[in-house]
Amino acid sequence: MRLIKLVGDWFEQRVQLGTPIRETMEHPVPRQTASWAYVFGSAALTVFILQLVTGILLALLYVPSAGEAWNSLQVLNHDVTLGWFIRALHGWGSNFMLAIVLVHMVQVFIFGAYKFPRELTWVVGVLLLLLTLGMAFTGQVLRFDQDAYWGLGIGASISSRVPVLGPFIVNLLLGGPIIGSATLSRFFALHVFVIPGALIGFIGLHLLLVLKLGVNEWPMPGRLVRRATYMKEYHELTHKDGIPFVPGAIWKDLFFSSFILLALLLCAFHFGPFGPGGQPDPTIIQTVPKPDYFFLWLYAVLSLLPPSMETPALLIGPVIGLGILFALPFFSGQGEKSWRRRPISVLIVLLAAVSLGTFTNLSGHAPWSPVMEAWSGEPIPAQYLTGRTALQRQGALVFQLKQCHNCHSLGGEGGKRGPELDLVAVKMTPDQLVRQVIQGGGNMPAYGKNLNASETTALVAFLETLRPQGQAPARDASRASQ
């Protein structure tokens, strides 16, 4: 014991953390606040620490490369001792953390804990929720299976609709015009360095604000928040009816966090890791990509909205929602805290819960993938094969085998997802056709890794024939002038 004391004194003289730690442990909280309703913040912090530990272990073996990411996860699942369990802990930890953060924010909203003087605490909490959602999305992308590939394609499509900045955002996320190794490197950096670093910083600020301003008192009907008198009333309450956080309140936090960890371990052991599913293949158009659980509601909304409403909903809806969340403590920072006297707040929570639950349930019946009016076996109309050379006929075969007919129509027959191709040779030069096939663009996936050079040449040769009889094909004006 004497040796331990000597070592402790040696470190204390140099880092001087004893006093801040002691003050943190002994800071008073209102007696009624030490309840089961206030345990979600500490539980979210506990799960985040677990995410950091398991994430570091996974990063040691994960290869952020389009060619190796899927294989490295297979190695973790089947060849590394307990690799599957670490992946399962990390995957289920993401879901648990999101759920706990959401419940914590609902509890703060219902209890009016965003009111004066805790406006900044609420704003930081909203940022933490957004970062947690970002962690969940980037984590799904790193699985790089079929769901991840098409989910990222949907995300890129949404980002591309942002006025002016859309192309820049897409290029920033993907690292180029196609989803490839550069894309995974960027999402790996986001998931492992950028977002966790921001989370650590904001969590530290969040805890500091809680310590400086105190834990929100239990909301009592008739106890109003007034900027002029609140701090004095709060200090009087903690002086008369306060208890130290340790040991008075912490035991409930420890018990609930232990329960959450146990539930997480059981889910990881029983259900196993999330994916990966099939390898990403942009040629498989008839796919039904499924995002992770907490994004299913958005999946259903996109499925059910008419096309004309998608862009306004995607660009305006989130801005309005986030604006309301950030502005809430500033236009409703005083007054009643008790949920018994705030029926509108309770109705908002109930409406949000019912809406999210309904859309999540509908996601099982409303696939994102649009209804195609053709499939790969539907033949190309005969007039598009008559008089063609062997190379052009070979290109027509590539067009058929690679399921191009699912998205593009010829002579009015075929899919409607992409543009009709009857006049494509008039609109695009051969070089532009090659680039479009290899790199993709818009709603079209990139086929550069799914077609060899001879297949690309043949396909473009066939596409060059798709123009009205007697009309000249598109040409590069700069080359014509040389």
Protein backbone atom coordinates (compact mmCIF):
# COMPACT_ATOMS: atom_id res chain seq x y z
CA MET A 1 0.00 0.00 0.00
CA ARG A 2 2.85 2.35 0.76
CA LEU A 3 4.40 1.63 -2.65
CA ILE A 4 1.10 2.33 -4.37
CA LYS A 5 0.80 5.61 -2.47
CA LEU A 6 4.32 6.61 -3.45
CA VAL A 7 3.68 5.85 -7.11
CA GLY A 8 0.37 7.70 -6.97
CA ASP A 9 1.96 10.74 -5.34
CA TRP A 10 4.74 10.72 -7.96
CA PHE A 11 2.23 10.86 -10.84
CA GLU A 12 0.03 13.39 -9.00
CA GLN A 13 2.93 15.82 -8.58
CA ARG A 14 3.49 15.75 -12.33
CA VAL A 15 0.06 15.47 -13.97
CA GLN A 16 -2.06 16.92 -11.13
CA LEU A 17 -5.25 15.10 -12.11
CA GLY A 18 -6.27 14.08 -8.60
CA THR A 19 -8.18 17.25 -7.80
CA PRO A 20 -10.19 17.38 -11.08
CA ILE A 21 -11.04 13.67 -10.80
CA ARG A 22 -12.12 14.07 -7.18
CA GLU A 23 -14.26 17.09 -8.03
CA THR A 24 -15.85 15.18 -10.90
CA MET A 25 -16.70 12.23 -8.67
CA GLU A 26 -18.06 14.41 -5.87
CA HIS A 27 -20.02 16.93 -7.94
CA PRO A 28 -23.56 17.15 -6.52
CA VAL A 29 -26.65 16.09 -8.44
CA PRO A 30 -30.28 16.56 -7.37
CA ARG A 31 -31.44 13.50 -5.46
CA GLN A 32 -34.37 12.79 -7.79
CA THR A 33 -32.05 13.05 -10.79
CA ALA A 34 -30.22 9.92 -9.62
CA SER A 35 -32.89 7.79 -11.31
CA TRP A 36 -33.14 5.20 -14.07
CA ALA A 37 -34.25 7.89 -16.52
CA TYR A 38 -30.76 9.44 -16.47
CA VAL A 39 -28.62 6.39 -17.28
CA PHE A 40 -28.63 6.54 -21.09
CA GLY A 41 -25.81 9.06 -21.50
CA SER A 42 -23.33 6.94 -19.55
CA ALA A 43 -24.49 3.81 -21.40
CA ALA A 44 -23.84 5.51 -24.76
CA LEU A 45 -20.33 6.43 -23.58
CA THR A 46 -19.71 2.82 -22.48
CA VAL A 47 -20.75 1.43 -25.87
CA PHE A 48 -18.62 4.05 -27.65
CA ILE A 49 -15.54 2.90 -25.71
CA LEU A 50 -16.32 -0.68 -26.76
CA GLN A 51 -16.61 0.53 -30.38
CA LEU A 52 -13.18 2.12 -30.16
CA VAL A 53 -11.59 -1.07 -28.82
CA THR A 54 -13.22 -3.43 -31.33
CA GLY A 55 -12.67 -0.95 -34.17
CA ILE A 56 -8.93 -0.85 -33.46
CA LEU A 57 -8.79 -4.65 -33.49
CA LEU A 58 -10.65 -4.83 -36.82
CA ALA A 59 -8.53 -2.11 -38.40
CA LEU A 60 -5.42 -4.26 -37.83
CA LEU A 61 -6.65 -6.79 -40.42
CA TYR A 62 -9.10 -4.88 -42.62
CA VAL A 63 -7.80 -3.93 -46.07
CA PRO A 64 -9.50 -0.77 -47.44
CA SER A 65 -9.21 -1.84 -51.07
CA ALA A 66 -11.95 -2.59 -53.58
CA GLY A 67 -10.19 -5.83 -54.47
CA GLU A 68 -9.42 -7.00 -50.92
CA ALA A 69 -12.02 -5.51 -48.54
CA TRP A 70 -14.55 -8.29 -49.04
CA ASN A 71 -11.87 -10.98 -48.77
CA SER A 72 -10.42 -9.48 -45.58
CA LEU A 73 -13.84 -9.67 -43.92
CA GLN A 74 -14.14 -13.31 -44.97
CA VAL A 75 -10.76 -13.95 -43.35
CA LEU A 76 -11.97 -12.27 -40.16
CA ASN A 77 -15.18 -14.31 -40.19
CA HIS A 78 -13.63 -17.71 -40.85
CA ASP A 79 -9.85 -17.77 -40.35
CA VAL A 80 -9.02 -15.45 -37.43
CA THR A 81 -9.72 -16.77 -33.94
CA LEU A 82 -12.81 -14.97 -32.61
CA GLY A 83 -12.64 -12.60 -35.58
CA TRP A 84 -16.32 -13.18 -36.26
CA PHE A 85 -17.14 -12.31 -32.64
CA ILE A 86 -15.18 -9.05 -32.73
CA ARG A 87 -17.01 -8.12 -35.95
CA ALA A 88 -20.32 -9.03 -34.35
CA LEU A 89 -19.57 -6.91 -31.28
CA HIS A 90 -18.64 -3.97 -33.46
CA GLY A 91 -21.71 -4.31 -35.69
CA TRP A 92 -24.21 -4.77 -32.88
CA GLY A 93 -22.43 -2.08 -30.87
CA SER A 94 -23.22 0.37 -33.68
CA ASN A 95 -26.93 -0.47 -33.48
CA PHE A 96 -26.95 -0.33 -29.68
CA MET A 97 -25.16 3.01 -29.63
CA LEU A 98 -27.56 4.57 -32.12
CA ALA A 99 -30.57 3.29 -30.17
CA ILE A 100 -29.24 4.56 -26.85
CA VAL A 101 -28.30 7.98 -28.26
CA LEU A 102 -31.79 8.34 -29.75
CA VAL A 103 -33.47 7.35 -26.47
CA HIS A 104 -31.18 9.74 -24.59
CA MET A 105 -32.14 12.63 -26.88
CA VAL A 106 -35.84 11.82 -26.49
CA GLN A 107 -35.42 11.78 -22.70
CA VAL A 108 -33.62 15.15 -22.81
CA PHE A 109 -36.37 16.59 -25.01
CA ILE A 110 -39.24 15.26 -22.86
CA PHE A 111 -37.59 16.46 -19.64
CA GLY A 112 -36.87 19.90 -21.08
CA ALA A 113 -33.15 19.53 -20.39
CA TYR A 114 -32.34 21.59 -23.50
CA LYS A 115 -33.61 24.78 -21.84
CA PHE A 116 -31.46 27.50 -20.27
CA PRO A 117 -28.57 27.24 -19.48
CA ARG A 118 -28.03 23.97 -21.38
CA GLU A 119 -28.60 25.21 -24.94
CA LEU A 120 -25.05 24.40 -26.03
CA THR A 121 -25.26 20.97 -24.39
CA TRP A 122 -28.27 20.20 -26.62
CA VAL A 123 -26.56 21.52 -29.76
CA VAL A 124 -23.50 19.34 -29.08
CA GLY A 125 -25.86 16.40 -28.49
CA VAL A 126 -27.45 16.90 -31.92
CA LEU A 127 -23.96 16.94 -33.48
CA LEU A 128 -23.14 13.72 -31.62
CA LEU A 129 -26.26 12.09 -33.06
CA LEU A 130 -25.26 13.12 -36.60
CA LEU A 131 -21.74 11.80 -36.08
CA THR A 132 -23.12 8.51 -34.74
CA LEU A 133 -25.27 8.18 -37.86
CA GLY A 134 -22.19 8.94 -39.94
CA MET A 135 -20.27 6.18 -38.17
CA ALA A 136 -23.07 3.72 -38.88
CA PHE A 137 -23.27 4.61 -42.59
CA THR A 138 -19.51 4.58 -43.20
CA GLY A 139 -19.27 1.28 -41.35
CA GLN A 140 -21.81 -0.31 -43.69
CA VAL A 141 -19.88 0.96 -46.72
CA LEU A 142 -16.69 -0.70 -45.44
CA ARG A 143 -18.38 -4.10 -45.64
CA PHE A 144 -18.29 -3.51 -49.41
CA ASP A 145 -20.81 -6.18 -50.29
CA GLN A 146 -23.70 -5.83 -52.72
CA ASP A 147 -25.82 -3.89 -50.21
CA ALA A 148 -22.93 -1.57 -49.37
CA TYR A 149 -22.11 -0.93 -53.04
CA TRP A 150 -25.64 0.00 -54.03
CA GLY A 151 -26.27 1.80 -50.72
CA LEU A 152 -23.27 3.99 -51.45
CA GLY A 153 -24.61 4.48 -54.97
CA ILE A 154 -27.86 5.75 -53.47
CA GLY A 155 -25.92 8.03 -51.13
CA ALA A 156 -23.89 9.40 -54.03
CA SER A 157 -27.08 9.93 -56.04
CA ILE A 158 -28.58 11.91 -53.16
CA SER A 159 -25.42 13.99 -52.77
CA SER A 160 -25.30 14.73 -56.49
CA ARG A 161 -28.64 16.56 -56.25
CA VAL A 162 -27.23 19.30 -54.02
CA PRO A 163 -27.27 22.50 -56.10
CA VAL A 164 -23.86 23.72 -57.33
CA LEU A 165 -21.86 21.62 -54.84
CA GLY A 166 -23.33 18.23 -55.84
CA PRO A 167 -20.56 17.10 -58.23
CA PHE A 168 -17.86 18.29 -55.83
CA ILE A 169 -19.42 16.38 -52.90
CA VAL A 170 -19.71 13.19 -54.96
CA ASN A 171 -16.11 13.43 -56.13
CA LEU A 172 -14.99 14.14 -52.56
CA LEU A 173 -16.80 11.06 -51.24
CA LEU A 174 -15.95 8.65 -54.05
CA GLY A 175 -12.45 9.91 -54.84
CA GLY A 176 -13.31 9.93 -58.54
CA PRO A 177 -16.15 9.17 -60.94
CA ILE A 178 -16.52 5.50 -59.90
CA ILE A 179 -16.81 3.49 -56.69
CA GLY A 180 -13.41 1.86 -56.22
CA SER A 181 -10.33 1.64 -54.01
CA ALA A 182 -10.12 5.42 -53.61
CA THR A 183 -13.69 5.36 -52.30
CA LEU A 184 -12.94 2.76 -49.65
CA SER A 185 -9.77 4.59 -48.59
CA ARG A 186 -11.77 7.74 -47.98
CA PHE A 187 -14.54 6.00 -46.09
CA PHE A 188 -11.95 4.09 -44.07
CA ALA A 189 -10.33 7.40 -43.09
CA LEU A 190 -13.75 8.83 -42.20
CA HIS A 191 -14.78 5.79 -40.17
CA VAL A 192 -11.49 5.21 -38.35
CA PHE A 193 -9.99 8.69 -37.94
CA VAL A 194 -12.19 11.67 -38.81
CA ILE A 195 -15.56 10.79 -37.27
CA PRO A 196 -14.19 9.04 -34.13
CA GLY A 197 -11.87 11.99 -33.55
CA ALA A 198 -14.77 14.41 -33.81
CA LEU A 199 -16.85 12.17 -31.53
CA ILE A 200 -14.14 12.13 -28.88
CA GLY A 201 -13.84 15.92 -29.02
CA PHE A 202 -17.58 16.56 -28.82
CA ILE A 203 -18.08 13.92 -26.10
CA GLY A 204 -15.39 15.66 -24.04
CA LEU A 205 -17.13 19.02 -24.55
CA HIS A 206 -20.51 17.45 -23.74
CA LEU A 207 -19.22 16.00 -20.45
CA LEU A 208 -17.53 19.29 -19.55
CA LEU A 209 -20.80 21.16 -20.06
CA VAL A 210 -22.66 18.61 -17.92
CA LEU A 211 -20.11 19.02 -15.12
CA LYS A 212 -20.07 22.82 -15.29
CA LEU A 213 -23.83 23.34 -15.59
CA GLY A 214 -24.97 20.34 -13.55
CA VAL A 215 -27.30 17.47 -14.39
CA ASN A 216 -30.82 18.58 -15.25
CA GLU A 217 -33.13 18.44 -12.22
CA TRP A 218 -36.21 16.23 -12.23
CA PRO A 219 -38.92 18.27 -14.01
CA MET A 220 -41.70 19.20 -11.61
CA PRO A 221 -45.02 20.73 -12.78
CA GLY A 222 -45.03 24.43 -12.01
CA ARG A 223 -41.22 24.72 -11.61
CA LEU A 224 -40.52 27.20 -14.39
CA VAL A 225 -37.19 28.05 -15.99
CA ARG A 226 -36.34 31.75 -15.83
CA ARG A 227 -32.97 32.99 -17.03
CA ALA A 228 -32.71 35.54 -14.22
CA THR A 229 -33.23 33.09 -11.36
CA TYR A 230 -32.58 29.55 -12.63
CA MET A 231 -28.91 29.15 -11.66
CA LYS A 232 -29.54 30.40 -8.12
CA GLU A 233 -32.53 28.05 -7.73
CA TYR A 234 -30.54 25.10 -9.12
CA HIS A 235 -27.62 25.63 -6.69
CA GLU A 236 -30.05 25.92 -3.80
CA LEU A 237 -31.65 22.65 -4.85
CA THR A 238 -28.33 20.77 -5.06
CA HIS A 239 -27.26 22.26 -1.70
CA LYS A 240 -30.47 21.26 0.10
CA ASP A 241 -31.31 18.00 -1.68
CA GLY A 242 -28.18 17.01 -3.57
CA ILE A 243 -26.02 13.90 -3.39
CA PRO A 244 -22.49 13.28 -4.72
CA PHE A 245 -22.40 11.58 -8.10
CA VAL A 246 -20.09 8.93 -6.60
CA PRO A 247 -21.41 6.85 -4.96
CA GLY A 248 -24.93 8.27 -4.78
CA ALA A 249 -25.87 8.16 -8.47
CA ILE A 250 -23.20 6.19 -10.28
CA TRP A 251 -24.35 2.73 -9.21
CA LYS A 252 -27.44 2.93 -11.47
CA ASP A 253 -25.26 4.03 -14.39
CA LEU A 254 -22.90 1.12 -13.77
CA PHE A 255 -25.74 -1.38 -13.46
CA PHE A 256 -27.47 -0.23 -16.65
CA SER A 257 -24.20 -0.08 -18.61
CA SER A 258 -23.39 -3.62 -17.47
CA PHE A 259 -26.83 -4.77 -18.59
CA ILE A 260 -26.32 -3.15 -22.00
CA LEU A 261 -22.91 -4.80 -22.39
CA LEU A 262 -24.38 -8.18 -21.47
CA ALA A 263 -27.22 -7.76 -23.99
CA LEU A 264 -24.70 -6.71 -26.63
CA LEU A 265 -22.53 -9.77 -25.95
CA LEU A 266 -25.55 -12.08 -26.20
CA CYS A 267 -26.69 -10.53 -29.50
CA ALA A 268 -23.18 -10.78 -30.94
CA PHE A 269 -22.83 -14.41 -29.87
CA HIS A 270 -26.31 -15.50 -30.99
CA PHE A 271 -26.80 -13.53 -34.22
CA GLY A 272 -23.18 -13.16 -35.33
CA PRO A 273 -21.69 -10.40 -37.51
CA PHE A 274 -23.44 -8.38 -40.20
CA GLY A 275 -22.42 -9.75 -43.59
CA PRO A 276 -20.70 -9.36 -45.78
CA GLY A 277 -23.24 -10.53 -48.35
CA GLY A 278 -22.43 -11.19 -51.96
CA GLN A 279 -19.46 -9.48 -53.55
CA PRO A 280 -20.26 -6.06 -55.07
CA ASP A 281 -21.18 -6.37 -58.73
CA PRO A 282 -22.54 -3.34 -60.60
CA THR A 283 -23.77 -5.56 -63.42
CA ILE A 284 -26.43 -7.08 -61.16
CA ILE A 285 -29.08 -4.44 -61.64
CA GLN A 286 -31.96 -6.55 -60.34
CA THR A 287 -30.86 -6.16 -56.75
CA VAL A 288 -32.73 -5.00 -53.67
CA PRO A 289 -30.13 -3.23 -51.51
CA LYS A 290 -30.94 -3.07 -47.82
CA PRO A 291 -29.36 -0.47 -45.55
CA ASP A 292 -28.78 -1.20 -41.89
CA TYR A 293 -31.75 -1.13 -39.55
CA PHE A 294 -31.69 2.53 -38.53
CA PHE A 295 -31.71 3.69 -42.17
CA LEU A 296 -34.59 1.48 -43.30
CA TRP A 297 -37.14 4.27 -42.79
CA LEU A 298 -35.28 6.45 -45.29
CA TYR A 299 -35.17 3.49 -47.68
CA ALA A 300 -38.98 3.26 -47.50
CA VAL A 301 -39.48 7.00 -47.94
CA LEU A 302 -37.36 6.98 -51.11
CA SER A 303 -39.30 3.98 -52.38
CA LEU A 304 -42.73 5.47 -51.82
CA LEU A 305 -42.17 9.08 -52.84
CA PRO A 306 -43.10 9.98 -56.42
CA PRO A 307 -40.01 10.84 -58.47
CA SER A 308 -40.95 14.52 -58.62
CA MET A 309 -40.89 14.75 -54.83
CA GLU A 310 -37.61 12.94 -54.18
CA THR A 311 -35.23 15.84 -54.64
CA PRO A 312 -37.25 18.39 -52.58
CA ALA A 313 -37.71 15.85 -49.80
CA LEU A 314 -34.03 14.91 -49.76
CA LEU A 315 -32.66 18.44 -49.92
CA ILE A 316 -35.23 20.49 -48.03
CA GLY A 317 -36.54 18.03 -45.44
CA PRO A 318 -33.24 17.38 -43.61
CA VAL A 319 -32.32 21.07 -43.61
CA ILE A 320 -35.64 22.01 -42.01
CA GLY A 321 -35.42 19.16 -39.48
CA LEU A 322 -31.87 19.99 -38.41
CA GLY A 323 -32.69 23.69 -38.32
CA ILE A 324 -35.54 23.02 -35.89
CA LEU A 325 -33.35 20.82 -33.68
CA PHE A 326 -30.54 23.37 -33.50
CA ALA A 327 -32.91 26.31 -32.93
CA LEU A 328 -35.13 24.55 -30.36
CA PRO A 329 -33.30 25.65 -27.16
CA PHE A 330 -33.09 29.24 -28.38
CA PHE A 331 -36.79 29.83 -29.08
CA SER A 332 -38.02 27.54 -26.28
CA GLY A 333 -35.34 28.09 -23.64
CA GLN A 334 -37.59 29.11 -20.77
CA GLY A 335 -40.82 28.02 -19.16
CA GLU A 336 -42.23 24.65 -18.19
CA LYS A 337 -40.06 21.52 -18.19
CA SER A 338 -42.51 18.88 -17.00
CA TRP A 339 -43.84 16.67 -19.78
CA ARG A 340 -47.21 16.63 -17.98
CA ARG A 341 -47.69 20.27 -18.95
CA ARG A 342 -46.10 20.04 -22.40
CA PRO A 343 -48.58 17.92 -24.40
CA ILE A 344 -47.30 19.19 -27.76
CA SER A 345 -43.80 17.86 -26.99
CA VAL A 346 -45.24 14.46 -26.06
CA LEU A 347 -47.32 14.38 -29.27
CA ILE A 348 -44.24 15.26 -31.35
CA VAL A 349 -42.30 12.35 -29.85
CA LEU A 350 -45.22 9.95 -30.38
CA LEU A 351 -45.71 11.13 -33.97
CA ALA A 352 -42.01 10.73 -34.72
CA ALA A 353 -41.92 7.25 -33.18
CA VAL A 354 -45.03 6.09 -35.07
CA SER A 355 -43.73 7.54 -38.35
CA LEU A 356 -40.30 5.93 -38.02
CA GLY A 357 -41.84 2.62 -36.98
CA THR A 358 -44.32 2.68 -39.86
CA PHE A 359 -41.73 3.50 -42.51
CA THR A 360 -39.33 0.92 -41.07
CA ASN A 361 -42.05 -1.70 -41.35
CA LEU A 362 -42.94 -0.59 -44.88
CA SER A 363 -39.32 -0.94 -45.94
CA GLY A 364 -39.86 -4.69 -46.10
CA HIS A 365 -42.54 -4.22 -48.75
CA ALA A 366 -41.26 -1.20 -50.69
CA PRO A 367 -37.92 -2.03 -52.31
CA TRP A 368 -35.78 0.83 -53.54
CA SER A 369 -34.85 -0.88 -56.79
CA PRO A 370 -37.26 0.51 -59.43
CA VAL A 371 -39.63 -1.78 -61.27
CA MET A 372 -38.01 -2.74 -64.54
CA GLU A 373 -40.06 -3.24 -67.69
CA ALA A 374 -37.60 -5.69 -69.16
CA TRP A 375 -35.19 -8.37 -68.12
CA SER A 376 -32.01 -9.83 -69.52
CA GLY A 377 -33.71 -12.54 -71.56
CA GLU A 378 -35.86 -10.16 -73.59
CA PRO A 379 -34.41 -10.10 -77.11
CA ILE A 380 -33.01 -7.04 -78.84
CA PRO A 381 -35.36 -6.00 -81.69
CA ALA A 382 -34.27 -7.53 -85.01
CA GLN A 383 -33.89 -4.18 -86.81
CA TYR A 384 -30.97 -3.35 -84.50
CA LEU A 385 -29.07 -6.45 -85.69
CA THR A 386 -29.75 -6.33 -89.43
CA GLY A 387 -26.76 -5.25 -91.51
CA ARG A 388 -24.40 -5.13 -88.54
CA THR A 389 -20.82 -6.34 -88.69
CA ALA A 390 -19.57 -9.26 -86.62
CA LEU A 391 -18.03 -6.85 -84.08
CA GLN A 392 -21.27 -4.91 -83.77
CA ARG A 393 -23.27 -8.11 -83.31
CA GLN A 394 -20.80 -9.14 -80.63
CA GLY A 395 -21.48 -5.79 -78.95
CA ALA A 396 -25.22 -6.51 -79.06
CA LEU A 397 -24.50 -9.79 -77.28
CA VAL A 398 -22.52 -7.95 -74.58
CA PHE A 399 -25.43 -5.52 -74.27
CA GLN A 400 -27.71 -8.49 -73.64
CA LEU A 401 -25.49 -10.48 -71.28
CA LYS A 402 -24.55 -7.51 -69.09
CA GLN A 403 -28.23 -6.71 -68.52
CA CYS A 404 -28.09 -3.29 -70.20
CA HIS A 405 -31.62 -3.98 -71.48
CA ASN A 406 -32.92 -3.86 -67.90
CA CYS A 407 -32.30 -0.11 -67.72
CA HIS A 408 -32.25 1.06 -71.35
CA SER A 409 -34.86 0.61 -74.03
CA LEU A 410 -34.42 0.06 -77.76
CA GLY A 411 -37.37 0.74 -80.04
CA GLY A 412 -39.58 1.37 -77.01
CA GLU A 413 -38.82 -2.06 -75.51
CA GLY A 414 -36.76 -2.36 -72.36
CA GLY A 415 -36.18 -0.69 -69.02
CA LYS A 416 -37.04 2.91 -68.21
CA ARG A 417 -34.49 3.59 -65.49
CA GLY A 418 -31.91 4.91 -67.96
CA PRO A 419 -32.41 6.94 -71.15
CA GLU A 420 -33.50 5.39 -74.44
CA LEU A 421 -30.55 4.48 -76.65
CA ASP A 422 -32.10 4.78 -80.10
CA LEU A 423 -30.30 8.11 -80.68
CA VAL A 424 -27.27 7.64 -78.45
CA ALA A 425 -24.79 7.67 -81.37
CA VAL A 426 -26.08 11.12 -82.37
CA LYS A 427 -25.68 12.50 -78.83
CA MET A 428 -22.33 11.02 -77.80
CA THR A 429 -19.01 10.52 -79.57
CA PRO A 430 -17.23 7.14 -79.44
CA ASP A 431 -14.84 8.49 -76.79
CA GLN A 432 -17.75 9.68 -74.69
CA LEU A 433 -19.45 6.31 -75.03
CA VAL A 434 -16.28 4.53 -73.86
CA ARG A 435 -15.97 6.83 -70.87
CA GLN A 436 -19.65 6.41 -69.94
CA VAL A 437 -19.43 2.62 -70.10
CA ILE A 438 -16.21 2.42 -68.08
CA GLN A 439 -16.81 5.17 -65.50
CA GLY A 440 -20.60 5.35 -65.35
CA GLY A 441 -22.35 8.50 -64.29
CA GLY A 442 -25.71 9.69 -63.04
CA ASN A 443 -27.76 6.59 -62.19
CA MET A 444 -25.52 4.34 -64.29
CA PRO A 445 -22.97 2.19 -62.45
CA ALA A 446 -19.38 1.92 -63.66
CA TYR A 447 -18.66 -1.20 -65.74
CA GLY A 448 -14.90 -0.69 -66.06
CA LYS A 449 -14.11 -3.65 -63.81
CA ASN A 450 -16.76 -5.90 -65.33
CA LEU A 451 -15.88 -5.61 -68.99
CA ASN A 452 -12.59 -6.48 -70.61
CA ALA A 453 -11.16 -4.34 -73.41
CA SER A 454 -12.60 -6.44 -76.24
CA GLU A 455 -16.09 -6.42 -74.68
CA THR A 456 -15.96 -2.65 -74.25
CA THR A 457 -14.83 -2.18 -77.86
CA ALA A 458 -17.61 -4.42 -79.16
CA LEU A 459 -20.28 -2.77 -77.01
CA VAL A 460 -19.29 0.73 -78.13
CA ALA A 461 -19.23 -0.45 -81.76
CA PHE A 462 -22.83 -1.58 -81.35
CA LEU A 463 -23.86 1.65 -79.63
CA GLU A 464 -22.35 3.65 -82.52
CA THR A 465 -24.97 2.11 -84.82
CA LEU A 466 -27.87 3.44 -82.76
CA ARG A 467 -28.87 6.45 -84.86
CA PRO A 468 -31.52 7.21 -87.48
CA GLN A 469 -30.72 5.97 -90.98
CA GLY A 470 -28.90 8.60 -93.01
CA GLN A 471 -28.03 10.77 -90.00
CA ALA A 472 -24.36 11.30 -89.22
CA PRO A 473 -23.05 10.19 -85.84
CA ALA A 474 -21.76 12.62 -83.23
CA ARG A 475 -18.17 13.69 -83.74
CA ASP A 476 -15.48 15.47 -81.78
CA ALA A 477 -15.31 18.99 -83.23
CA SER A 478 -11.76 19.54 -81.94
CA ARG A 479 -10.51 16.50 -83.83
CA ALA A 480 -12.41 17.40 -86.98
CA SER A 481 -10.63 20.75 -87.17
CA GLN A 482 -7.17 19.18 -87.03
